[in-house]
Amino acid sequence: MRTLLKPLIRTTSYPLIAGGAALLLTYLASIDVAYWPLFPLVVAVGITLVALMERVAPYEPDWNRDHDGDTVADALHLFVSYLLIQSSVAIAFGLRDWLPADWALWPQQTPMWMQVLLAGLILDLGLYTMHRASHASGFLWRLHAIHHSPERLYWLNGGRRHPLSALVLAGPGLTVLFLLGATPIAVGAWLSFMSVQLAFQHANLDYRLGPLRHLLGVAEMHRFHHKRDFEDAQVNFGEVFLIWDRLFGTFHDAPRSPGKGEVGLHGNTIPNNYGAQLAWPFAKTSNH
């Protein structure tokens, strides 16, 4: 069975699951259904499918193994990260009630797919900008380094972020969307899709996207960003799109994506305990 599933997963998993989630979430937004519970349910199904497929077609079999208890910490990180995403959606709905119904700055009359895409482009550019800043600034890097410390990449890594780092990364883009009066359901649809995308982006899954990998931040491209040599990891910052990396000179591709023994941090002193990870950036100045 695995022999039959692996080539199917390799070629169709991302288009069917990530693409299907994007279409379904946009459709749900367009028919104005309630955000809760349908949108989180789509996210849960998408992420669960990624986790299950890793067991069938892993990119690196060793990355499916717990490394010194990191799974528990990663699960807690994902839970907190998703709470932050849901809080952002709730804030979007709450702030929209304070704006006039005919708020002119956001194109509310355009088709919903255009609103979702516009929200995504604004948020993704903000994430790209702050992601690069997090690699350049000492304190922001210490917050962000927790995301880069694992020596394996798998579906839970997408949520492995210090809460303050998550706020730094998403804050500017979300603020712009709120100030523009973005349609809350459009923001919610994009954030929901991004949750599935992050699982795919860090997945220990042997899947390919062909030429489209040059446009989307899928796992085979994002692994270069997690390469252990910090100087070589200043590439492929995009969360969903790689167009920003192409525009600003940080795009990188190579014949082989990094694998076992090539990701993580040199001289890594970051603990695997969740609480200790939250305190680590404030304890001392860390090295790259």
Protein backbone atom coordinates (compact mmCIF):
# COMPACT_ATOMS: atom_id res chain seq x y z
CA MET A 1 0.00 0.00 0.00
CA ARG A 2 2.78 2.45 0.90
CA THR A 3 4.46 1.78 -2.43
CA LEU A 4 1.30 2.90 -4.17
CA LEU A 5 0.65 5.89 -1.92
CA LYS A 6 4.11 7.45 -1.97
CA PRO A 7 4.10 8.63 -5.62
CA LEU A 8 0.53 9.81 -5.19
CA ILE A 9 1.46 11.81 -2.11
CA ARG A 10 4.57 13.18 -3.81
CA THR A 11 2.68 14.72 -6.71
CA THR A 12 -0.84 15.45 -5.44
CA SER A 13 -0.76 16.05 -1.67
CA TYR A 14 -0.11 19.80 -1.77
CA PRO A 15 -2.45 20.66 -4.67
CA LEU A 16 -5.27 18.54 -3.26
CA ILE A 17 -5.00 19.45 0.43
CA ALA A 18 -3.48 22.94 0.53
CA GLY A 19 -5.12 23.96 -2.74
CA GLY A 20 -8.39 22.35 -1.72
CA ALA A 21 -8.32 24.09 1.65
CA ALA A 22 -7.70 27.46 -0.03
CA LEU A 23 -10.64 26.98 -2.39
CA LEU A 24 -12.96 25.69 0.31
CA LEU A 25 -12.08 28.46 2.76
CA THR A 26 -12.57 31.11 0.08
CA TYR A 27 -15.91 29.59 -0.89
CA LEU A 28 -17.07 29.51 2.72
CA ALA A 29 -16.08 33.15 3.09
CA SER A 30 -17.95 34.07 -0.08
CA ILE A 31 -21.23 32.58 1.12
CA ASP A 32 -20.86 34.42 4.43
CA VAL A 33 -21.02 31.42 6.76
CA ALA A 34 -20.02 31.80 10.40
CA TYR A 35 -16.25 31.60 10.92
CA TRP A 36 -16.60 29.27 13.91
CA PRO A 37 -16.56 26.27 13.79
CA LEU A 38 -16.19 25.57 10.05
CA PHE A 39 -12.94 27.40 9.37
CA PRO A 40 -11.02 25.87 12.31
CA LEU A 41 -12.43 22.48 11.30
CA VAL A 42 -10.97 22.82 7.79
CA VAL A 43 -7.62 23.71 9.37
CA ALA A 44 -7.75 20.71 11.72
CA VAL A 45 -8.50 18.31 8.89
CA GLY A 46 -5.73 19.73 6.68
CA ILE A 47 -3.07 19.62 9.39
CA THR A 48 -4.10 16.12 10.48
CA LEU A 49 -3.75 14.86 6.91
CA VAL A 50 -0.22 16.31 6.72
CA ALA A 51 0.72 14.59 9.99
CA LEU A 52 -0.65 11.26 8.79
CA MET A 53 1.04 11.47 5.39
CA GLU A 54 4.40 12.04 7.09
CA ARG A 55 4.11 8.51 8.48
CA VAL A 56 3.54 7.08 5.02
CA ALA A 57 5.98 9.10 2.91
CA PRO A 58 8.58 10.85 5.12
CA TYR A 59 11.29 12.98 3.55
CA GLU A 60 13.67 11.87 6.34
CA PRO A 61 12.51 8.82 8.37
CA ASP A 62 14.61 9.96 11.35
CA TRP A 63 12.64 13.22 11.52
CA ASN A 64 9.52 11.26 12.46
CA ARG A 65 11.24 10.27 15.71
CA ASP A 66 10.94 12.37 18.87
CA HIS A 67 14.20 14.19 19.61
CA ASP A 68 14.76 14.46 23.36
CA GLY A 69 11.13 15.27 24.12
CA ASP A 70 10.74 18.05 21.56
CA THR A 71 7.30 16.83 20.45
CA VAL A 72 5.58 17.96 23.64
CA ALA A 73 7.11 21.44 23.46
CA ASP A 74 6.26 21.72 19.76
CA ALA A 75 2.65 20.72 20.43
CA LEU A 76 2.38 23.43 23.10
CA HIS A 77 3.89 25.97 20.71
CA LEU A 78 1.36 25.04 18.03
CA PHE A 79 -1.51 25.34 20.50
CA VAL A 80 -0.42 28.81 21.63
CA SER A 81 0.28 29.93 18.06
CA TYR A 82 -3.18 28.86 16.98
CA LEU A 83 -4.71 30.70 19.93
CA LEU A 84 -2.92 33.83 18.73
CA ILE A 85 -4.30 33.32 15.22
CA GLN A 86 -7.81 32.89 16.57
CA SER A 87 -7.36 36.00 18.70
CA SER A 88 -6.37 37.93 15.59
CA VAL A 89 -9.54 36.79 13.84
CA ALA A 90 -11.64 37.80 16.84
CA ILE A 91 -9.96 41.22 16.92
CA ALA A 92 -10.60 41.66 13.20
CA PHE A 93 -14.31 41.00 13.71
CA GLY A 94 -14.42 43.25 16.77
CA LEU A 95 -12.63 46.19 15.15
CA ARG A 96 -14.76 46.00 12.03
CA ASP A 97 -17.81 46.82 14.12
CA TRP A 98 -16.24 50.18 14.96
CA LEU A 99 -15.80 51.17 11.32
CA PRO A 100 -18.50 52.67 9.10
CA ALA A 101 -20.29 50.15 6.91
CA ASP A 102 -19.08 51.97 3.79
CA TRP A 103 -15.44 52.21 4.89
CA ALA A 104 -13.82 53.20 1.60
CA LEU A 105 -10.24 52.02 2.08
CA TRP A 106 -11.02 48.32 1.64
CA PRO A 107 -12.55 47.06 -1.64
CA GLN A 108 -15.52 45.36 -0.01
CA GLN A 109 -17.49 45.11 -3.22
CA THR A 110 -14.88 43.04 -5.05
CA PRO A 111 -15.28 39.24 -5.27
CA MET A 112 -14.32 37.45 -2.09
CA TRP A 113 -11.45 35.56 -3.70
CA MET A 114 -9.85 38.91 -4.55
CA GLN A 115 -10.31 40.14 -0.98
CA VAL A 116 -8.78 36.96 0.45
CA LEU A 117 -5.83 37.21 -1.95
CA LEU A 118 -5.31 40.91 -1.21
CA ALA A 119 -5.38 40.24 2.53
CA GLY A 120 -2.89 37.43 1.97
CA LEU A 121 -0.49 39.56 -0.06
CA ILE A 122 -0.50 42.34 2.55
CA LEU A 123 0.00 39.94 5.43
CA ASP A 124 2.64 37.93 3.58
CA LEU A 125 4.68 41.02 2.74
CA GLY A 126 4.54 42.06 6.39
CA LEU A 127 5.65 38.59 7.47
CA TYR A 128 8.52 38.62 4.97
CA THR A 129 9.70 42.04 6.17
CA MET A 130 9.60 41.16 9.86
CA HIS A 131 11.07 37.71 9.21
CA ARG A 132 14.14 39.31 7.64
CA ALA A 133 14.31 41.80 10.49
CA SER A 134 14.20 38.92 12.97
CA HIS A 135 17.35 37.50 11.41
CA ALA A 136 19.12 40.87 11.48
CA SER A 137 18.32 42.14 14.98
CA GLY A 138 19.98 40.65 18.04
CA PHE A 139 16.96 40.51 20.35
CA LEU A 140 14.46 39.67 17.60
CA TRP A 141 16.81 36.89 16.53
CA ARG A 142 16.93 35.46 20.06
CA LEU A 143 13.13 35.31 20.01
CA HIS A 144 13.09 33.80 16.53
CA ALA A 145 15.99 31.38 17.11
CA ILE A 146 13.63 29.04 18.96
CA HIS A 147 11.96 28.36 15.62
CA HIS A 148 15.32 27.48 14.05
CA SER A 149 16.71 25.35 16.86
CA PRO A 150 15.17 21.93 16.00
CA GLU A 151 17.39 19.46 14.20
CA ARG A 152 14.42 17.99 12.41
CA LEU A 153 11.60 19.52 10.39
CA TYR A 154 8.08 18.12 10.63
CA TRP A 155 4.47 19.28 10.69
CA LEU A 156 4.56 20.72 14.22
CA ASN A 157 7.52 23.02 13.50
CA GLY A 158 5.28 25.53 11.75
CA GLY A 159 3.90 26.58 15.13
CA ARG A 160 7.21 26.47 17.04
CA ARG A 161 7.52 30.19 17.71
CA HIS A 162 7.99 32.28 20.80
CA PRO A 163 4.66 34.12 21.31
CA LEU A 164 6.45 37.48 21.19
CA SER A 165 8.14 36.49 17.95
CA ALA A 166 4.78 35.51 16.49
CA LEU A 167 3.41 38.95 17.41
CA VAL A 168 6.43 40.68 15.90
CA LEU A 169 6.12 38.72 12.67
CA ALA A 170 2.40 39.11 12.09
CA GLY A 171 1.73 42.40 13.88
CA PRO A 172 2.57 44.90 11.11
CA GLY A 173 0.61 43.11 8.39
CA LEU A 174 -2.41 42.59 10.62
CA THR A 175 -2.30 46.22 11.73
CA VAL A 176 -2.38 47.40 8.11
CA LEU A 177 -5.33 45.12 7.40
CA PHE A 178 -7.21 46.39 10.43
CA LEU A 179 -6.54 50.03 9.51
CA LEU A 180 -7.74 49.41 5.98
CA GLY A 181 -10.94 47.92 7.35
CA ALA A 182 -10.36 44.53 5.75
CA THR A 183 -13.36 42.23 5.64
CA PRO A 184 -12.91 40.03 8.75
CA ILE A 185 -13.99 36.82 7.03
CA ALA A 186 -11.38 37.41 4.30
CA VAL A 187 -8.66 37.81 6.95
CA GLY A 188 -9.95 34.71 8.74
CA ALA A 189 -9.93 32.69 5.53
CA TRP A 190 -6.32 33.63 4.78
CA LEU A 191 -5.10 32.97 8.32
CA SER A 192 -6.83 29.59 8.22
CA PHE A 193 -5.16 28.71 4.93
CA MET A 194 -1.82 29.89 6.32
CA SER A 195 -2.13 27.43 9.21
CA VAL A 196 -2.36 24.56 6.71
CA GLN A 197 0.44 26.09 4.64
CA LEU A 198 2.77 26.25 7.65
CA ALA A 199 2.22 22.55 8.32
CA PHE A 200 3.12 21.80 4.69
CA GLN A 201 6.03 24.24 4.71
CA HIS A 202 7.76 22.43 7.58
CA ALA A 203 6.44 18.95 6.83
CA ASN A 204 8.69 15.91 6.90
CA LEU A 205 6.91 14.89 3.73
CA ASP A 206 8.35 13.78 0.42
CA TYR A 207 6.27 15.96 -1.88
CA ARG A 208 7.16 18.05 -4.91
CA LEU A 209 5.58 21.04 -6.58
CA GLY A 210 7.59 21.22 -9.80
CA PRO A 211 8.13 24.74 -11.22
CA LEU A 212 5.59 26.18 -8.76
CA ARG A 213 8.16 25.71 -5.98
CA HIS A 214 9.74 28.90 -7.31
CA LEU A 215 6.60 30.83 -6.31
CA LEU A 216 5.39 29.12 -3.14
CA GLY A 217 7.19 28.53 0.15
CA VAL A 218 6.82 24.76 0.23
CA ALA A 219 9.00 22.37 2.23
CA GLU A 220 11.58 21.63 -0.45
CA MET A 221 12.35 25.38 -0.61
CA HIS A 222 11.90 26.28 3.05
CA ARG A 223 14.42 23.68 4.23
CA PHE A 224 17.16 25.92 2.83
CA HIS A 225 15.99 28.57 5.29
CA HIS A 226 16.53 26.15 8.18
CA LYS A 227 19.99 25.08 7.07
CA ARG A 228 22.34 24.89 10.04
CA ASP A 229 24.90 27.28 8.60
CA PHE A 230 23.25 30.52 9.66
CA GLU A 231 24.92 32.56 6.92
CA ASP A 232 23.44 30.24 4.31
CA ALA A 233 19.94 30.48 5.81
CA GLN A 234 19.36 34.11 4.81
CA VAL A 235 17.12 32.87 2.02
CA ASN A 236 13.52 31.93 1.26
CA PHE A 237 11.90 33.99 4.01
CA GLY A 238 8.43 33.89 2.44
CA GLU A 239 5.68 32.25 4.49
CA VAL A 240 3.34 31.53 1.58
CA PHE A 241 4.78 33.32 -1.45
CA LEU A 242 8.38 33.44 -2.60
CA ILE A 243 7.74 36.47 -4.82
CA TRP A 244 9.16 38.75 -2.11
CA ASP A 245 12.37 36.70 -2.03
CA ARG A 246 12.66 37.06 -5.78
CA LEU A 247 11.98 40.80 -5.68
CA PHE A 248 14.42 41.50 -2.84
CA GLY A 249 17.21 39.08 -3.73
CA THR A 250 16.80 36.40 -1.06
CA PHE A 251 15.53 33.56 -3.25
CA HIS A 252 17.59 30.38 -3.33
CA ASP A 253 17.25 27.01 -5.00
CA ALA A 254 19.57 24.04 -5.41
CA PRO A 255 19.30 20.49 -6.79
CA ARG A 256 19.03 18.95 -3.31
CA SER A 257 17.02 20.16 -0.34
CA PRO A 258 18.82 19.96 3.06
CA GLY A 259 18.22 16.80 5.05
CA LYS A 260 19.25 14.99 8.21
CA GLY A 261 22.16 16.62 10.03
CA GLU A 262 21.91 19.84 8.02
CA VAL A 263 19.23 21.84 9.85
CA GLY A 264 19.23 23.51 13.24
CA LEU A 265 21.77 25.85 14.84
CA HIS A 266 25.51 25.62 15.48
CA GLY A 267 26.28 25.48 19.19
CA ASN A 268 22.59 25.18 20.01
CA THR A 269 21.92 25.93 23.68
CA ILE A 270 18.14 26.23 23.43
CA PRO A 271 16.38 23.73 25.74
CA ASN A 272 13.58 21.43 24.63
CA ASN A 273 11.31 22.28 27.57
CA TYR A 274 8.52 24.66 26.56
CA GLY A 275 8.70 26.92 29.60
CA ALA A 276 12.49 27.10 29.39
CA GLN A 277 12.23 28.07 25.73
CA LEU A 278 9.97 30.99 26.59
CA ALA A 279 12.52 32.24 29.13
CA TRP A 280 15.65 31.52 27.05
CA PRO A 281 15.71 34.74 24.93
CA PHE A 282 15.79 36.84 28.08
CA ALA A 283 18.37 34.78 29.98
CA LYS A 284 21.49 35.82 28.09
CA THR A 285 22.78 36.89 24.72
CA SER A 286 22.80 33.82 22.52
CA ASN A 287 25.13 33.05 19.67
CA HIS A 288 24.07 32.21 16.15
